[in-house]
Amino acid sequence: MIKDRAFGRQDSTAAAREANKMFRKVEAAPSEHAKADKAFQANRERLKAERLARESKHPANKAR
């Protein structure tokens, strides 16, 4: 590799760049459990918002 004197860097060769492509970090796909958990949390938040909206309209019907 050729060293860049101004910045102290080394130029990589085409072969080195190709090899580095193989070692890039890849974002892992979410597991089935993670997908289900995310869907559950989203549904829970939606239901909570609906419940709070209902309770604000009819405060006498609040649970004890």
C-alpha atoms as a PDB file:
ATOM      1  CA  MET A   1       0.000   0.000   0.000  1.00  0.00           C
ATOM      2  CA  ILE A   2       1.088   3.552  -0.646  1.00  0.00           C
ATOM      3  CA  LYS A   3       1.410   5.813   2.354  1.00  0.00           C
ATOM      4  CA  ASP A   4      -0.039   9.334   2.167  1.00  0.00           C
ATOM      5  CA  ARG A   5       2.673  11.494   3.722  1.00  0.00           C
ATOM      6  CA  ALA A   6       0.473  14.529   4.379  1.00  0.00           C
ATOM      7  CA  PHE A   7      -2.032  12.690   6.547  1.00  0.00           C
ATOM      8  CA  GLY A   8      -0.216   9.511   7.538  1.00  0.00           C
ATOM      9  CA  ARG A   9      -2.845   7.358   5.806  1.00  0.00           C
ATOM     10  CA  GLN A  10      -2.343   4.384   3.584  1.00  0.00           C
ATOM     11  CA  ASP A  11      -4.189   3.905   0.307  1.00  0.00           C
ATOM     12  CA  SER A  12      -5.830   0.544   0.062  1.00  0.00           C
ATOM     13  CA  THR A  13      -5.615  -1.630  -2.981  1.00  0.00           C
ATOM     14  CA  ALA A  14      -8.619  -2.922  -4.857  1.00  0.00           C
ATOM     15  CA  ALA A  15      -8.064  -6.360  -3.350  1.00  0.00           C
ATOM     16  CA  ALA A  16      -7.957  -4.906   0.181  1.00  0.00           C
ATOM     17  CA  ARG A  17     -11.168  -2.939  -0.423  1.00  0.00           C
ATOM     18  CA  GLU A  18     -12.898  -6.106  -1.700  1.00  0.00           C
ATOM     19  CA  ALA A  19     -11.722  -8.034   1.352  1.00  0.00           C
ATOM     20  CA  ASN A  20     -12.966  -5.292   3.692  1.00  0.00           C
ATOM     21  CA  LYS A  21     -16.416  -5.480   2.120  1.00  0.00           C
ATOM     22  CA  MET A  22     -16.721  -9.001   3.496  1.00  0.00           C
ATOM     23  CA  PHE A  23     -16.168  -7.758   7.063  1.00  0.00           C
ATOM     24  CA  ARG A  24     -18.575  -4.825   7.128  1.00  0.00           C
ATOM     25  CA  LYS A  25     -21.060  -4.812   9.947  1.00  0.00           C
ATOM     26  CA  VAL A  26     -24.437  -5.973   8.790  1.00  0.00           C
ATOM     27  CA  GLU A  27     -27.552  -5.024  10.696  1.00  0.00           C
ATOM     28  CA  ALA A  28     -29.094  -8.227  11.917  1.00  0.00           C
ATOM     29  CA  ALA A  29     -32.664  -8.887  10.902  1.00  0.00           C
ATOM     30  CA  PRO A  30     -35.036  -8.796  13.862  1.00  0.00           C
ATOM     31  CA  SER A  31     -35.993 -12.179  15.234  1.00  0.00           C
ATOM     32  CA  GLU A  32     -39.571 -13.419  15.311  1.00  0.00           C
ATOM     33  CA  HIS A  33     -39.650 -12.746  19.047  1.00  0.00           C
ATOM     34  CA  ALA A  34     -38.467  -9.163  18.550  1.00  0.00           C
ATOM     35  CA  LYS A  35     -41.077  -8.579  15.826  1.00  0.00           C
ATOM     36  CA  ALA A  36     -43.840  -9.980  18.027  1.00  0.00           C
ATOM     37  CA  ASP A  37     -42.677  -7.921  21.005  1.00  0.00           C
ATOM     38  CA  LYS A  38     -42.594  -4.732  18.925  1.00  0.00           C
ATOM     39  CA  ALA A  39     -46.116  -5.417  17.605  1.00  0.00           C
ATOM     40  CA  PHE A  40     -47.342  -6.148  21.141  1.00  0.00           C
ATOM     41  CA  GLN A  41     -45.889  -2.909  22.517  1.00  0.00           C
ATOM     42  CA  ALA A  42     -47.380  -0.865  19.658  1.00  0.00           C
ATOM     43  CA  ASN A  43     -50.807  -2.444  20.202  1.00  0.00           C
ATOM     44  CA  ARG A  44     -50.556  -1.872  23.955  1.00  0.00           C
ATOM     45  CA  GLU A  45     -49.782   1.823  23.429  1.00  0.00           C
ATOM     46  CA  ARG A  46     -52.671   2.163  20.974  1.00  0.00           C
ATOM     47  CA  LEU A  47     -55.121   0.541  23.390  1.00  0.00           C
ATOM     48  CA  LYS A  48     -53.854   2.689  26.254  1.00  0.00           C
ATOM     49  CA  ALA A  49     -54.424   5.858  24.190  1.00  0.00           C
ATOM     50  CA  GLU A  50     -57.941   4.705  23.312  1.00  0.00           C
ATOM     51  CA  ARG A  51     -58.718   3.924  26.960  1.00  0.00           C
ATOM     52  CA  LEU A  52     -57.441   7.309  28.138  1.00  0.00           C
ATOM     53  CA  ALA A  53     -59.522   9.044  25.474  1.00  0.00           C
ATOM     54  CA  ARG A  54     -62.642   7.163  26.600  1.00  0.00           C
ATOM     55  CA  GLU A  55     -61.968   7.921  30.264  1.00  0.00           C
ATOM     56  CA  SER A  56     -61.478  11.608  29.588  1.00  0.00           C
ATOM     57  CA  LYS A  57     -64.904  11.760  27.923  1.00  0.00           C
ATOM     58  CA  HIS A  58     -66.634   9.925  30.799  1.00  0.00           C
ATOM     59  CA  PRO A  59     -64.676  10.480  34.031  1.00  0.00           C
ATOM     60  CA  ALA A  60     -67.427   8.882  36.203  1.00  0.00           C
ATOM     61  CA  ASN A  61     -66.754   5.477  34.571  1.00  0.00           C
ATOM     62  CA  LYS A  62     -63.149   5.301  35.719  1.00  0.00           C
ATOM     63  CA  ALA A  63     -61.970   2.071  37.278  1.00  0.00           C
ATOM     64  CA  ARG A  64     -61.372   2.127  41.013  1.00  0.00           C
END
